[in-house]
Amino acid sequence: MDQHSALAFNQQQVSDFDRDGYVIVRGLFNQNEIQIVNQVVNADTSIAAAIYGREDQSGSITELALWRDLGDDIFAAIARSARIVESLERVLHGDINFFHAKLTLKRPKVGGAWEWHQDYGYWYRDGFLYPQMASVFLALDPATRENGCLQIIKGSHHIGRIEHGTVAGQVGADTTYVNEALERLPLIHCEMEPGDALFFHSNLLHASAPNTSDLSRNALLCCYSRSDNLSFQPNQNNRTTPIEKLADNGLAKYLNKPIDAQRTFASA
């Protein structure tokens, strides 16, 4: 096994995650690492071909590219990095598997909103019995209120799973519960710089506004489940993959390596 990460969560961060449902780590990935990811995102034709859109209630579109395999490229290296994996193992209290990852692309002026939802509101339907799951949102661009940064309701993971249905053309959480949560709990705008990472629980309510700015708001999201929390309805869409952790210095070999030609993107 690779050496442990010097950047893994300390006990205070574990306590913060348990209480609040999220932790933001500033500068988890350095600017050179983020620059390489952005070069791949902007130049790789396989990503461009895999992108599909999700409309919000105004008809604006947020673009996605999603994959479920751990390849041998910079995306997989980030998903496998000890600085992410060991932190999530501490807050989920056990070994974790990779579930899937996706790029979310909000173009300037036209990038759409995401309605309030919980990730477990989706993943519960995939046969995961427990919400021992979490995501890491890695900012590839500055994320601001103007370009649609992620918004979260602090502590809302303690509510438990909320029923999800169609909300403004997307699958979203029951608005009655969302409104009650907004009345009682703090709303946080997660403004971030490239390389900052938001770790959040699968039951944390989150959303984002449209991009009304002249700047893109792109992000890489990596999603995980505890390794003993496997779907009881296994298929190609809900399988998880054991992770061979990559030490903090292990990303260097991927910084000039092209995207894995064998990566398979999911369809819309």
Protein backbone atom coordinates (compact mmCIF):
# COMPACT_ATOMS: atom_id res chain seq x y z
CA MET A 1 0.00 0.00 0.00
CA ASP A 2 1.21 3.52 -0.72
CA GLN A 3 2.29 5.83 2.08
CA HIS A 4 -0.41 7.60 4.02
CA SER A 5 -1.52 11.06 2.98
CA ALA A 6 -0.29 13.98 5.01
CA LEU A 7 -3.43 15.80 3.86
CA ALA A 8 -6.02 13.36 5.23
CA PHE A 9 -8.63 14.72 7.65
CA ASN A 10 -7.68 15.41 11.23
CA GLN A 11 -10.04 14.73 14.12
CA GLN A 12 -11.53 18.24 14.02
CA GLN A 13 -12.43 17.83 10.35
CA VAL A 14 -13.99 14.44 11.07
CA SER A 15 -16.08 16.05 13.82
CA ASP A 16 -17.06 18.90 11.49
CA PHE A 17 -18.17 16.43 8.82
CA ASP A 18 -20.24 14.44 11.32
CA ARG A 19 -21.93 17.61 12.60
CA ASP A 20 -22.33 19.64 9.40
CA GLY A 21 -22.35 17.02 6.64
CA TYR A 22 -19.48 18.62 4.76
CA VAL A 23 -15.93 19.95 4.94
CA ILE A 24 -14.20 22.32 2.50
CA VAL A 25 -10.46 21.81 2.10
CA ARG A 26 -8.69 24.76 0.52
CA GLY A 27 -5.95 23.99 -2.00
CA LEU A 28 -6.26 20.21 -1.77
CA PHE A 29 -4.83 20.02 -5.30
CA ASN A 30 -2.21 22.47 -6.50
CA GLN A 31 -2.47 24.74 -9.52
CA ASN A 32 -0.25 22.57 -11.70
CA GLU A 33 -2.49 19.56 -11.07
CA ILE A 34 -5.65 21.56 -11.80
CA GLN A 35 -4.13 23.10 -14.93
CA ILE A 36 -3.47 19.63 -16.36
CA VAL A 37 -7.04 18.52 -15.62
CA ASN A 38 -8.39 21.62 -17.35
CA GLN A 39 -6.20 21.04 -20.39
CA VAL A 40 -7.64 17.53 -20.72
CA VAL A 41 -11.20 18.75 -20.18
CA ASN A 42 -10.85 21.43 -22.85
CA ALA A 43 -8.90 19.45 -25.45
CA ASP A 44 -9.93 15.80 -25.29
CA THR A 45 -12.38 14.88 -28.03
CA SER A 46 -13.71 11.83 -26.16
CA ILE A 47 -14.97 14.09 -23.39
CA ALA A 48 -16.58 16.46 -25.86
CA ALA A 49 -18.36 13.53 -27.51
CA ALA A 50 -19.58 12.17 -24.14
CA ILE A 51 -21.13 15.38 -22.83
CA TYR A 52 -24.89 15.49 -22.42
CA GLY A 53 -27.18 18.15 -20.96
CA ARG A 54 -29.68 18.52 -18.13
CA GLU A 55 -32.23 21.32 -18.37
CA ASP A 56 -33.43 23.43 -15.45
CA GLN A 57 -36.88 25.01 -15.18
CA SER A 58 -35.85 27.95 -17.37
CA GLY A 59 -34.52 25.71 -20.14
CA SER A 60 -30.86 26.47 -19.39
CA ILE A 61 -28.54 23.48 -19.60
CA THR A 62 -25.78 22.15 -17.39
CA GLU A 63 -23.52 19.72 -19.22
CA LEU A 64 -22.21 16.42 -17.84
CA ALA A 65 -19.82 13.65 -18.74
CA LEU A 66 -19.97 10.61 -16.43
CA TRP A 67 -17.89 7.44 -16.11
CA ARG A 68 -17.91 4.44 -13.79
CA ASP A 69 -14.48 2.93 -14.44
CA LEU A 70 -11.15 3.73 -12.84
CA GLY A 71 -8.83 4.09 -15.81
CA ASP A 72 -5.15 5.01 -15.81
CA ASP A 73 -5.18 8.77 -16.27
CA ILE A 74 -5.31 12.02 -14.30
CA PHE A 75 -9.02 11.64 -13.48
CA ALA A 76 -8.50 8.20 -11.97
CA ALA A 77 -5.37 9.41 -10.19
CA ILE A 78 -7.38 12.13 -8.45
CA ALA A 79 -10.17 9.69 -7.56
CA ARG A 80 -7.60 7.27 -6.10
CA SER A 81 -5.50 9.90 -4.33
CA ALA A 82 -4.80 9.21 -0.67
CA ARG A 83 -5.66 12.79 0.18
CA ILE A 84 -9.27 12.06 -0.85
CA VAL A 85 -9.60 8.37 -0.06
CA GLU A 86 -8.13 8.40 3.44
CA SER A 87 -10.23 11.41 4.44
CA LEU A 88 -13.43 9.70 3.29
CA GLU A 89 -12.44 6.47 5.02
CA ARG A 90 -12.23 8.41 8.27
CA VAL A 91 -15.65 10.04 7.98
CA LEU A 92 -17.38 6.93 6.60
CA HIS A 93 -15.63 4.78 9.23
CA GLY A 94 -14.35 2.08 6.91
CA ASP A 95 -12.72 1.26 3.59
CA ILE A 96 -14.37 2.81 0.53
CA ASN A 97 -14.97 1.86 -3.10
CA PHE A 98 -15.13 4.13 -6.12
CA PHE A 99 -18.70 4.51 -7.45
CA HIS A 100 -18.48 6.96 -10.34
CA ALA A 101 -17.13 10.34 -11.36
CA LYS A 102 -18.39 13.14 -13.54
CA LEU A 103 -17.46 16.46 -15.00
CA THR A 104 -20.09 19.18 -14.61
CA LEU A 105 -19.70 22.09 -17.00
CA LYS A 106 -21.57 25.37 -16.58
CA ARG A 107 -20.90 27.54 -19.59
CA PRO A 108 -20.80 31.33 -19.21
CA LYS A 109 -24.25 32.96 -19.27
CA VAL A 110 -26.05 29.74 -20.23
CA GLY A 111 -25.11 27.12 -17.60
CA GLY A 112 -28.26 25.95 -15.83
CA ALA A 113 -29.30 25.37 -12.22
CA TRP A 114 -29.51 22.16 -10.20
CA GLU A 115 -32.58 21.78 -8.01
CA TRP A 116 -32.29 20.83 -4.34
CA HIS A 117 -31.51 17.15 -3.93
CA GLN A 118 -29.60 14.54 -1.98
CA ASP A 119 -27.28 12.20 -3.83
CA TYR A 120 -28.67 9.33 -1.78
CA GLY A 121 -32.09 10.30 -3.07
CA TYR A 122 -30.82 8.90 -6.39
CA TRP A 123 -28.51 6.17 -5.10
CA TYR A 124 -31.12 4.65 -2.78
CA ARG A 125 -32.99 3.70 -5.95
CA ASP A 126 -29.85 1.92 -7.16
CA GLY A 127 -30.11 -0.58 -4.33
CA PHE A 128 -27.69 0.90 -1.81
CA LEU A 129 -29.23 0.03 1.55
CA TYR A 130 -27.27 2.51 3.64
CA PRO A 131 -26.27 6.16 3.04
CA GLN A 132 -22.63 5.33 3.83
CA MET A 133 -21.69 7.23 0.71
CA ALA A 134 -20.11 10.59 -0.05
CA SER A 135 -18.91 12.84 -2.86
CA VAL A 136 -15.96 15.16 -3.41
CA PHE A 137 -16.56 18.28 -5.51
CA LEU A 138 -13.24 19.54 -6.88
CA ALA A 139 -13.33 23.07 -8.29
CA LEU A 140 -11.63 23.37 -11.67
CA ASP A 141 -12.67 27.02 -12.06
CA PRO A 142 -13.41 29.67 -9.46
CA ALA A 143 -16.89 28.88 -8.08
CA THR A 144 -18.78 32.03 -7.09
CA ARG A 145 -22.36 33.06 -6.41
CA GLU A 146 -22.45 34.65 -9.87
CA ASN A 147 -21.43 31.53 -11.79
CA GLY A 148 -23.51 29.05 -9.82
CA CYS A 149 -21.39 27.75 -6.95
CA LEU A 150 -22.73 24.82 -4.98
CA GLN A 151 -25.16 25.69 -2.19
CA ILE A 152 -25.67 23.36 0.76
CA ILE A 153 -27.99 23.27 3.76
CA LYS A 154 -25.67 22.81 6.70
CA GLY A 155 -26.51 19.81 8.86
CA SER A 156 -29.34 18.63 6.59
CA HIS A 157 -27.85 15.13 6.34
CA HIS A 158 -29.27 14.51 9.82
CA ILE A 159 -32.80 14.69 8.35
CA GLY A 160 -32.22 11.36 6.61
CA ARG A 161 -33.33 10.49 3.13
CA ILE A 162 -36.08 12.69 1.70
CA GLU A 163 -38.44 11.44 -0.99
CA HIS A 164 -37.40 12.55 -4.48
CA GLY A 165 -39.55 13.18 -7.51
CA THR A 166 -39.67 15.40 -10.58
CA VAL A 167 -38.91 19.01 -9.68
CA ALA A 168 -38.72 21.51 -12.56
CA GLY A 169 -37.76 18.74 -14.98
CA GLN A 170 -35.06 17.28 -12.74
CA VAL A 171 -35.14 14.67 -9.99
CA GLY A 172 -35.23 16.69 -6.79
CA ALA A 173 -36.10 16.47 -3.12
CA ASP A 174 -39.64 17.05 -1.82
CA THR A 175 -39.89 20.85 -1.72
CA THR A 176 -41.93 20.81 1.51
CA TYR A 177 -39.00 19.25 3.34
CA VAL A 178 -36.48 21.46 1.58
CA ASN A 179 -38.37 24.60 2.61
CA GLU A 180 -38.58 23.39 6.21
CA ALA A 181 -34.86 22.71 6.19
CA LEU A 182 -34.14 26.19 4.83
CA GLU A 183 -36.22 27.69 7.63
CA ARG A 184 -34.30 25.87 10.35
CA LEU A 185 -30.76 25.34 9.08
CA PRO A 186 -28.05 27.61 7.61
CA LEU A 187 -27.78 28.03 3.84
CA ILE A 188 -24.12 28.03 2.77
CA HIS A 189 -22.77 29.24 -0.57
CA CYS A 190 -19.63 27.19 -1.20
CA GLU A 191 -17.44 29.71 -2.99
CA MET A 192 -14.21 28.01 -3.99
CA GLU A 193 -10.97 28.51 -5.88
CA PRO A 194 -9.51 25.99 -8.34
CA GLY A 195 -8.03 23.11 -6.35
CA ASP A 196 -10.40 23.54 -3.39
CA ALA A 197 -12.47 20.46 -2.57
CA LEU A 198 -15.85 20.06 -0.91
CA PHE A 199 -16.37 16.70 0.81
CA PHE A 200 -20.06 16.04 1.52
CA HIS A 201 -22.35 13.33 2.85
CA SER A 202 -24.77 11.60 0.50
CA ASN A 203 -27.80 12.90 2.46
CA LEU A 204 -26.68 16.54 2.47
CA LEU A 205 -29.15 18.75 0.60
CA HIS A 206 -27.42 20.73 -2.13
CA ALA A 207 -28.26 22.77 -5.21
CA SER A 208 -26.77 25.41 -7.49
CA ALA A 209 -27.99 28.49 -9.30
CA PRO A 210 -27.54 29.28 -13.02
CA ASN A 211 -24.30 30.73 -14.31
CA THR A 212 -25.03 34.40 -15.00
CA SER A 213 -21.38 35.39 -15.25
CA ASP A 214 -18.86 35.62 -18.09
CA LEU A 215 -16.81 32.77 -16.58
CA SER A 216 -17.27 29.00 -16.73
CA ARG A 217 -17.91 26.96 -13.59
CA ASN A 218 -16.46 23.53 -14.21
CA ALA A 219 -15.94 20.87 -11.57
CA LEU A 220 -14.92 17.25 -11.16
CA LEU A 221 -17.05 15.17 -8.81
CA CYS A 222 -15.88 11.80 -7.49
CA CYS A 223 -18.41 9.62 -5.68
CA TYR A 224 -17.82 6.73 -3.29
CA SER A 225 -19.53 4.11 -1.15
CA ARG A 226 -18.22 2.25 1.84
CA SER A 227 -16.84 -1.06 0.60
CA ASP A 228 -19.33 -3.12 2.63
CA ASN A 229 -22.27 -1.06 1.29
CA LEU A 230 -22.74 -2.79 -2.05
CA SER A 231 -25.93 -2.57 -4.07
CA PHE A 232 -28.30 -5.49 -3.59
CA GLN A 233 -29.47 -4.92 -7.19
CA PRO A 234 -26.11 -5.21 -8.93
CA ASN A 235 -25.81 -4.09 -12.53
CA GLN A 236 -23.43 -2.04 -14.67
CA ASN A 237 -24.84 1.25 -13.38
CA ASN A 238 -24.44 0.67 -9.65
CA ARG A 239 -21.32 -1.44 -9.30
CA THR A 240 -18.45 -0.08 -7.22
CA THR A 241 -14.73 -0.64 -7.60
CA PRO A 242 -12.08 -1.31 -4.92
CA ILE A 243 -9.44 1.41 -4.83
CA GLU A 244 -5.69 1.09 -4.90
CA LYS A 245 -4.75 4.29 -3.12
CA LEU A 246 -2.28 6.64 -4.75
CA ALA A 247 0.20 8.48 -2.52
CA ASP A 248 0.25 12.29 -2.52
CA ASN A 249 3.29 12.36 -4.80
CA GLY A 250 1.83 9.74 -7.13
CA LEU A 251 -0.04 12.22 -9.31
CA ALA A 252 3.20 13.48 -10.87
CA LYS A 253 3.43 10.61 -13.38
CA TYR A 254 -0.04 11.46 -14.72
CA LEU A 255 0.49 15.17 -15.32
CA ASN A 256 1.71 14.67 -18.90
CA LYS A 257 -0.22 11.51 -19.66
CA PRO A 258 -3.25 11.67 -21.98
CA ILE A 259 -6.69 10.53 -20.93
CA ASP A 260 -7.11 6.76 -20.87
CA ALA A 261 -8.22 5.77 -24.35
CA GLN A 262 -10.16 2.86 -22.86
CA ARG A 263 -12.32 5.01 -20.60
CA THR A 264 -16.02 4.33 -21.16
CA PHE A 265 -18.38 7.22 -20.62
CA ALA A 266 -21.97 6.66 -19.52
CA SER A 267 -24.80 7.69 -21.78
CA ALA A 268 -27.49 10.19 -20.79
